[in-house]
């Protein structure tokens, strides 16, 4: 099978180990187990005694123990434990969904900008991918008429992330209802990556597609809300019994089980999720104030839509003929500051900044970025000799 290079992952893996100021990592400053014990007020000795008594066999091979599925189902209103399939992270979940549900004759509607998985994987085995582009000019709204126009009787599923990565946009309830009405018209699934669903600014809410729509499929994980990306624990939630049956049937080929050690930590993390979210939001809100202030100071040269959720913002610059890969390469090579070029999301003249890092690292990285932007504004041609390779 031929598949396109995963541009975001290639960009990061070539640079992350050599980064000085990481403004590209979108998982909120990861916790250690000791951090978790402190935040959740857990007795370390008791926790580790229980963890050390777990056998390192396959464990439950039905997509998670009843205890884990019950803990995950608590994240939803209408989803029950039997509607859950626990998997090895949200990246695995997205891949598993597309491989399990899509056939070559199907077409997929990818609402973009978003994660490249939803485009490159279905393309790799012959499915047609149709793009619905969201624009900063209208706050990354999704327009019902535009979506309806590109759907047809072969539309198998609609994919998106909500809250959105890289823009930080959050769909309103009206937009979600309009999205569902189009999907229902064409009997299409909606796959919604909801890993940022609890990372919301102000008093926003993020209803799950699995609660709202009978063919809605929600993807979640502990990576963003609980800062436990290294645990590699995610899940798929859907009330559609046919889809869940197919997903479980296919999982026998690529995932025997989650494993007892991961499940034990995950159950405890979900039980104490509010404490972890509160910790993360206190960090993100301070960082967003700093980032927003910096962006306002540079509004003559940069533009953006204030993020409603998540941990990233997509920033546009005005030099239309300048490659974002060249610009971000220059920034990294000269200062060690890592941001993500918009070109890896197929959004030219932009870059993604994450504000999920330590506050001092954010401030230092923005100072470096200020100098690079100043140089770009003074002479857009200074990047002509820079590499444009991801």
Protein backbone atom coordinates (compact mmCIF):
# COMPACT_ATOMS: atom_id res chain seq x y z
CA UNK A 1 0.00 0.00 0.00
CA UNK A 2 1.30 3.43 -0.96
CA UNK A 3 0.48 6.26 1.41
CA UNK A 4 1.44 9.94 1.55
CA UNK A 5 4.06 11.09 4.03
CA UNK A 6 2.45 12.18 7.28
CA UNK A 7 3.77 15.73 7.10
CA UNK A 8 3.08 16.79 10.68
CA UNK A 9 4.73 13.73 12.19
CA UNK A 10 7.73 14.02 9.87
CA UNK A 11 8.15 17.67 10.76
CA UNK A 12 8.09 16.96 14.50
CA UNK A 13 10.14 13.79 14.70
CA UNK A 14 13.08 15.34 12.82
CA UNK A 15 13.26 18.26 15.26
CA UNK A 16 11.69 17.60 18.65
CA UNK A 17 14.75 15.96 20.22
CA UNK A 18 16.87 19.00 19.30
CA UNK A 19 14.37 21.68 20.30
CA UNK A 20 15.22 24.50 22.68
CA UNK A 21 11.76 26.09 22.95
CA UNK A 22 8.95 23.73 21.97
CA UNK A 23 5.88 25.66 20.80
CA UNK A 24 4.74 22.76 18.64
CA UNK A 25 3.79 20.15 21.26
CA UNK A 26 0.00 20.33 21.60
CA UNK A 27 -0.36 18.01 24.60
CA UNK A 28 -0.56 20.03 27.78
CA UNK A 29 2.73 19.80 29.72
CA UNK A 30 2.86 16.06 30.51
CA UNK A 31 2.55 14.79 34.07
CA UNK A 32 4.68 12.16 35.78
CA UNK A 33 3.08 9.56 38.01
CA UNK A 34 4.36 11.55 40.99
CA UNK A 35 2.67 14.67 39.57
CA UNK A 36 -0.53 12.69 39.17
CA UNK A 37 -0.41 11.44 42.76
CA UNK A 38 0.05 15.01 43.98
CA UNK A 39 -2.64 16.57 41.77
CA UNK A 40 -5.22 13.85 42.51
CA UNK A 41 -4.17 13.41 46.16
CA UNK A 42 -3.60 9.70 45.71
CA UNK A 43 -1.70 7.57 48.20
CA UNK A 44 1.39 6.56 46.25
CA UNK A 45 2.19 3.43 48.22
CA UNK A 46 -1.31 2.01 47.91
CA UNK A 47 -1.51 2.85 44.19
CA UNK A 48 1.83 1.22 43.39
CA UNK A 49 1.04 -1.85 45.49
CA UNK A 50 -2.11 -2.40 43.45
CA UNK A 51 -0.32 -1.68 40.17
CA UNK A 52 2.48 -4.11 40.96
CA UNK A 53 0.00 -6.90 41.65
CA UNK A 54 -1.45 -6.80 38.12
CA UNK A 55 -0.43 -9.68 35.87
CA UNK A 56 1.30 -8.62 32.67
CA UNK A 57 -0.75 -10.91 30.46
CA UNK A 58 -3.06 -9.82 27.63
CA UNK A 59 -5.84 -8.94 30.03
CA UNK A 60 -9.31 -8.24 28.68
CA UNK A 61 -9.50 -8.80 24.90
CA UNK A 62 -12.94 -7.27 24.35
CA UNK A 63 -11.86 -3.65 23.97
CA UNK A 64 -11.36 -2.92 27.66
CA UNK A 65 -12.54 -4.18 31.03
CA UNK A 66 -16.07 -3.35 32.21
CA UNK A 67 -14.50 -0.99 34.77
CA UNK A 68 -12.60 0.95 32.10
CA UNK A 69 -15.59 1.12 29.77
CA UNK A 70 -17.78 2.39 32.60
CA UNK A 71 -15.24 5.09 33.45
CA UNK A 72 -15.09 6.18 29.79
CA UNK A 73 -18.89 6.13 29.42
CA UNK A 74 -19.08 8.68 32.25
CA UNK A 75 -17.71 11.21 29.73
CA UNK A 76 -20.97 11.00 27.76
CA UNK A 77 -24.70 11.49 28.28
CA UNK A 78 -26.23 8.79 26.08
CA UNK A 79 -23.29 6.42 25.52
CA UNK A 80 -23.24 3.24 27.60
CA UNK A 81 -20.24 1.07 28.58
CA UNK A 82 -21.15 -1.48 25.90
CA UNK A 83 -20.82 1.30 23.27
CA UNK A 84 -17.09 1.70 24.00
CA UNK A 85 -14.00 0.19 22.37
CA UNK A 86 -10.78 1.08 24.21
CA UNK A 87 -7.70 1.30 21.96
CA UNK A 88 -4.06 2.38 21.91
CA UNK A 89 -4.51 6.15 21.64
CA UNK A 90 -6.61 8.44 19.44
CA UNK A 91 -4.22 8.15 16.50
CA UNK A 92 -4.84 4.40 16.45
CA UNK A 93 -8.57 5.02 16.84
CA UNK A 94 -8.76 7.31 13.80
CA UNK A 95 -6.75 4.88 11.69
CA UNK A 96 -8.80 1.90 12.85
CA UNK A 97 -12.06 3.67 12.05
CA UNK A 98 -11.12 4.58 8.48
CA UNK A 99 -9.61 1.19 7.70
CA UNK A 100 -12.61 -0.63 9.17
CA UNK A 101 -15.49 1.40 7.72
CA UNK A 102 -14.33 2.74 4.34
CA UNK A 103 -14.31 0.86 1.01
CA UNK A 104 -12.66 1.94 -2.26
CA UNK A 105 -15.94 2.99 -3.87
CA UNK A 106 -16.86 5.28 -0.97
CA UNK A 107 -16.25 8.98 -0.72
CA UNK A 108 -15.18 10.72 2.46
CA UNK A 109 -15.89 14.33 3.38
CA UNK A 110 -12.92 15.73 5.31
CA UNK A 111 -13.63 19.02 7.07
CA UNK A 112 -10.36 20.89 7.02
CA UNK A 113 -7.89 22.05 8.32
CA UNK A 114 -7.54 18.95 10.43
CA UNK A 115 -5.49 15.84 11.03
CA UNK A 116 -3.98 14.33 7.87
CA UNK A 117 -5.06 10.80 8.81
CA UNK A 118 -8.59 11.53 7.60
CA UNK A 119 -7.29 12.37 4.13
CA UNK A 120 -4.28 10.19 3.40
CA UNK A 121 -5.52 6.87 4.79
CA UNK A 122 -8.74 6.64 2.75
CA UNK A 123 -6.85 7.86 -0.33
CA UNK A 124 -4.28 5.09 0.14
CA UNK A 125 -6.76 2.36 -0.67
CA UNK A 126 -8.71 4.11 -3.39
CA UNK A 127 -11.51 5.96 -1.63
CA UNK A 128 -12.37 9.45 -2.83
CA UNK A 129 -11.73 12.31 -0.42
CA UNK A 130 -13.63 15.56 -0.79
CA UNK A 131 -12.47 18.57 1.20
CA UNK A 132 -14.66 21.11 2.94
CA UNK A 133 -12.37 23.99 3.84
CA UNK A 134 -13.06 26.18 6.86
CA UNK A 135 -12.00 29.81 6.65
CA UNK A 136 -10.68 32.22 9.30
CA UNK A 137 -12.72 35.00 7.66
CA UNK A 138 -15.92 33.61 9.21
CA UNK A 139 -14.41 32.09 12.34
CA UNK A 140 -13.96 28.63 10.78
CA UNK A 141 -17.71 28.10 10.51
CA UNK A 142 -19.10 25.03 8.74
CA UNK A 143 -21.75 25.97 6.20
CA UNK A 144 -24.60 23.53 5.71
CA UNK A 145 -25.17 24.33 2.02
CA UNK A 146 -21.51 23.84 1.12
CA UNK A 147 -21.43 20.50 2.93
CA UNK A 148 -24.65 19.38 1.24
CA UNK A 149 -23.24 20.28 -2.17
CA UNK A 150 -20.24 17.92 -1.92
CA UNK A 151 -22.12 14.95 -0.44
CA UNK A 152 -23.86 12.27 -2.49
CA UNK A 153 -25.21 8.72 -2.23
CA UNK A 154 -21.65 7.34 -1.98
CA UNK A 155 -20.69 9.51 0.99
CA UNK A 156 -19.76 6.99 3.68
CA UNK A 157 -18.56 9.30 6.41
CA UNK A 158 -17.76 12.87 7.38
CA UNK A 159 -14.62 13.49 9.44
CA UNK A 160 -13.55 16.37 11.65
CA UNK A 161 -12.04 17.30 14.99
CA UNK A 162 -14.03 19.30 17.52
CA UNK A 163 -12.51 21.26 19.21
CA UNK A 164 -10.34 21.73 16.17
CA UNK A 165 -6.62 21.21 15.83
CA UNK A 166 -4.89 23.39 14.56
CA UNK A 167 -7.28 26.37 14.77
CA UNK A 168 -8.77 26.10 18.27
CA UNK A 169 -12.25 26.56 16.78
CA UNK A 170 -15.30 25.06 18.48
CA UNK A 171 -18.57 24.25 16.72
CA UNK A 172 -21.76 25.79 18.08
CA UNK A 173 -24.79 23.64 18.84
CA UNK A 174 -26.50 25.03 15.74
CA UNK A 175 -23.53 24.03 13.57
CA UNK A 176 -23.49 20.53 15.07
CA UNK A 177 -27.21 20.14 14.38
CA UNK A 178 -26.76 21.29 10.78
CA UNK A 179 -23.84 18.88 10.35
CA UNK A 180 -25.97 16.03 11.68
CA UNK A 181 -28.90 16.92 9.41
CA UNK A 182 -26.67 16.58 6.32
CA UNK A 183 -25.10 13.34 7.55
CA UNK A 184 -28.54 11.91 8.28
CA UNK A 185 -29.76 12.93 4.80
CA UNK A 186 -27.02 10.80 3.20
CA UNK A 187 -27.01 8.09 5.91
CA UNK A 188 -23.35 8.88 6.59
CA UNK A 189 -21.30 8.34 9.70
CA UNK A 190 -19.68 11.31 11.42
CA UNK A 191 -16.28 10.59 12.94
CA UNK A 192 -15.37 13.33 15.38
CA UNK A 193 -11.97 13.45 17.05
CA UNK A 194 -12.90 14.94 20.44
CA UNK A 195 -9.60 14.66 22.29
CA UNK A 196 -9.78 18.35 23.31
CA UNK A 197 -13.42 18.16 24.42
CA UNK A 198 -12.72 19.20 28.03
CA UNK A 199 -10.11 21.86 27.21
CA UNK A 200 -12.44 24.82 26.76
CA UNK A 201 -11.99 28.53 27.31
CA UNK A 202 -14.57 30.49 29.32
CA UNK A 203 -17.93 28.74 29.74
CA UNK A 204 -17.96 26.92 26.41
CA UNK A 205 -19.45 23.44 26.09
CA UNK A 206 -18.59 20.68 23.66
CA UNK A 207 -21.38 18.11 23.20
CA UNK A 208 -20.21 14.77 21.85
CA UNK A 209 -21.25 13.63 18.40
CA UNK A 210 -21.85 10.15 19.85
CA UNK A 211 -24.50 11.59 22.17
CA UNK A 212 -26.17 13.72 19.52
CA UNK A 213 -26.28 11.46 16.45
CA UNK A 214 -27.21 7.81 16.09
CA UNK A 215 -24.36 7.29 13.60
CA UNK A 216 -21.96 9.58 15.39
CA UNK A 217 -18.57 8.15 16.34
CA UNK A 218 -16.53 9.88 19.03
CA UNK A 219 -12.78 9.48 19.48
CA UNK A 220 -11.29 10.33 22.86
CA UNK A 221 -8.06 9.84 24.77
CA UNK A 222 -6.13 10.70 27.92
CA UNK A 223 -3.45 12.58 25.96
CA UNK A 224 -4.87 16.10 26.07
CA UNK A 225 -7.31 16.26 28.97
CA UNK A 226 -5.15 14.29 31.40
CA UNK A 227 -1.67 15.09 29.99
CA UNK A 228 -0.90 11.39 29.69
CA UNK A 229 -0.03 11.02 26.00
CA UNK A 230 2.67 8.49 26.83
CA UNK A 231 0.11 6.09 28.26
CA UNK A 232 -1.30 5.62 24.72
CA UNK A 233 -4.85 5.05 25.91
CA UNK A 234 -7.77 6.13 23.75
CA UNK A 235 -11.23 4.98 22.81
CA UNK A 236 -14.00 4.88 20.25
CA UNK A 237 -17.58 5.52 21.35
CA UNK A 238 -20.64 4.94 19.19
CA UNK A 239 -24.25 3.88 19.65
CA UNK A 240 -24.27 2.41 16.12
CA UNK A 241 -24.22 -1.33 16.76
CA UNK A 242 -23.27 -2.28 13.21
CA UNK A 243 -20.24 0.00 13.20
CA UNK A 244 -19.14 -1.19 16.64
CA UNK A 245 -19.42 -4.83 15.53
CA UNK A 246 -17.20 -4.16 12.51
CA UNK A 247 -14.68 -2.26 14.62
CA UNK A 248 -14.43 -5.08 17.16
CA UNK A 249 -14.16 -7.68 14.43
CA UNK A 250 -11.30 -5.81 12.76
CA UNK A 251 -9.52 -5.12 16.05
CA UNK A 252 -8.70 -8.83 16.32
CA UNK A 253 -6.19 -8.26 13.52
CA UNK A 254 -4.32 -5.28 14.98
CA UNK A 255 -4.99 -5.04 18.72
CA UNK A 256 -5.21 -7.99 21.05
CA UNK A 257 -5.89 -5.93 24.14
CA UNK A 258 -5.04 -2.77 26.08
CA UNK A 259 -3.23 -4.48 28.96
CA UNK A 260 -3.94 -4.36 32.67
CA UNK A 261 -1.24 -1.86 33.64
CA UNK A 262 -2.53 0.80 31.26
CA UNK A 263 -6.12 0.15 32.18
CA UNK A 264 -5.47 0.52 35.89
CA UNK A 265 -3.78 3.91 35.43
CA UNK A 266 -6.45 5.03 32.96
CA UNK A 267 -9.34 4.19 35.30
CA UNK A 268 -7.68 6.18 38.07
CA UNK A 269 -6.97 9.11 35.71
CA UNK A 270 -10.59 9.22 34.56
CA UNK A 271 -11.77 9.07 38.16
CA UNK A 272 -9.62 12.12 38.97
CA UNK A 273 -10.01 13.80 35.59
CA UNK A 274 -11.44 17.04 36.96
CA UNK A 275 -8.31 17.70 39.03
CA UNK A 276 -6.12 17.10 35.97
CA UNK A 277 -8.28 19.33 33.76
CA UNK A 278 -8.24 22.11 36.35
CA UNK A 279 -4.44 21.90 36.46
CA UNK A 280 -4.23 22.04 32.66
CA UNK A 281 -6.67 24.89 32.24
CA UNK A 282 -4.86 27.04 34.79
CA UNK A 283 -1.69 26.64 32.70
CA UNK A 284 -3.43 27.15 29.36
CA UNK A 285 -5.34 30.26 30.40
CA UNK A 286 -2.23 32.04 31.61
CA UNK A 287 -0.36 31.03 28.46
CA UNK A 288 -3.21 32.14 26.20
CA UNK A 289 -3.25 35.59 27.81
CA UNK A 290 0.46 35.88 27.03
CA UNK A 291 0.08 34.55 23.48
CA UNK A 292 -2.94 36.71 22.73
CA UNK A 293 -1.09 39.80 23.99
CA UNK A 294 1.89 38.99 21.77
CA UNK A 295 -0.35 38.48 18.75
CA UNK A 296 -2.14 41.79 19.37
CA UNK A 297 1.21 43.55 19.50
CA UNK A 298 1.97 42.11 16.06
CA UNK A 299 -1.46 42.57 14.48
CA UNK A 300 -0.06 44.72 11.67
CA UNK A 301 1.77 41.69 10.31
CA UNK A 302 -0.10 38.71 11.76
CA UNK A 303 -3.76 37.67 11.97
CA UNK A 304 -5.59 34.91 13.83
CA UNK A 305 -8.95 33.81 15.21
CA UNK A 306 -9.00 33.73 19.00
CA UNK A 307 -9.16 30.04 20.00
CA UNK A 308 -12.26 28.90 21.89
CA UNK A 309 -10.79 25.56 22.92
CA UNK A 310 -7.81 23.23 22.70
CA UNK A 311 -4.18 24.28 23.04
CA UNK A 312 -3.26 25.65 19.59
CA UNK A 313 -3.86 28.68 17.40
CA UNK A 314 -3.32 29.07 13.66
CA UNK A 315 -1.53 32.35 12.84
CA UNK A 316 -1.43 33.91 9.35
CA UNK A 317 1.26 36.22 8.00
CA UNK A 318 0.79 38.63 5.09
CA UNK A 319 3.72 37.74 2.81
CA UNK A 320 1.81 35.55 0.37
CA UNK A 321 4.80 34.16 -1.52
CA UNK A 322 6.75 32.97 1.53
CA UNK A 323 6.76 29.25 2.31
CA UNK A 324 5.75 28.52 5.89
CA UNK A 325 8.11 25.54 5.87
CA UNK A 326 11.03 27.80 4.95
CA UNK A 327 10.06 30.29 7.64
CA UNK A 328 9.65 27.67 10.38
CA UNK A 329 12.89 25.96 9.30
CA UNK A 330 14.73 29.28 9.63
CA UNK A 331 13.24 29.88 13.08
CA UNK A 332 14.25 26.42 14.26
CA UNK A 333 17.73 26.43 12.74
CA UNK A 334 18.65 29.85 14.14
CA UNK A 335 16.96 29.79 17.57
CA UNK A 336 15.92 26.22 18.34
CA UNK A 337 12.27 27.38 18.55
CA UNK A 338 9.86 24.81 17.17
CA UNK A 339 6.49 25.80 15.71
CA UNK A 340 4.50 24.00 13.02
CA UNK A 341 4.24 25.29 9.43
CA UNK A 342 0.73 25.68 8.11
CA UNK A 343 1.80 23.89 4.93
CA UNK A 344 1.71 20.56 6.79
CA UNK A 345 -2.04 21.21 7.24
CA UNK A 346 -2.34 22.41 3.61
CA UNK A 347 -2.89 25.96 4.88
CA UNK A 348 -0.22 28.21 3.29
CA UNK A 349 1.07 31.48 4.77
CA UNK A 350 0.43 30.34 8.32
CA UNK A 351 1.96 28.56 11.27
CA UNK A 352 0.54 26.77 14.30
CA UNK A 353 1.60 27.82 17.79
CA UNK A 354 0.87 25.61 20.77
CA UNK A 355 0.50 27.31 24.14
CA UNK A 356 0.55 24.05 26.13
CA UNK A 357 4.17 24.33 27.27
CA UNK A 358 5.77 25.76 30.39
CA UNK A 359 5.09 29.53 30.55
CA UNK A 360 8.76 30.51 30.56
CA UNK A 361 9.34 28.40 27.45
CA UNK A 362 6.41 30.10 25.71
CA UNK A 363 7.73 33.59 26.49
CA UNK A 364 11.25 32.70 25.33
CA UNK A 365 9.95 31.11 22.13
CA UNK A 366 7.77 34.12 21.33
CA UNK A 367 10.76 36.44 21.73
CA UNK A 368 12.63 34.39 19.14
CA UNK A 369 9.59 34.36 16.88
CA UNK A 370 9.33 38.14 17.15
CA UNK A 371 12.82 38.55 15.71
CA UNK A 372 12.11 36.14 12.86
CA UNK A 373 8.83 37.90 12.01
CA UNK A 374 10.59 41.28 12.07
CA UNK A 375 13.19 40.02 9.62
CA UNK A 376 10.47 38.53 7.40
CA UNK A 377 8.59 41.82 7.31
CA UNK A 378 11.71 43.81 6.46
CA UNK A 379 12.84 41.47 3.69
CA UNK A 380 10.57 38.59 2.59
CA UNK A 381 13.30 37.37 0.20
CA UNK A 382 15.77 36.51 2.95
CA UNK A 383 14.31 32.99 3.00
CA UNK A 384 14.92 32.30 -0.69
CA UNK A 385 17.86 30.00 0.04
CA UNK A 386 16.17 28.15 2.93
CA UNK A 387 15.09 24.55 2.61
CA UNK A 388 11.41 23.87 1.93
CA UNK A 389 11.57 20.20 2.95
CA UNK A 390 9.40 18.91 5.76
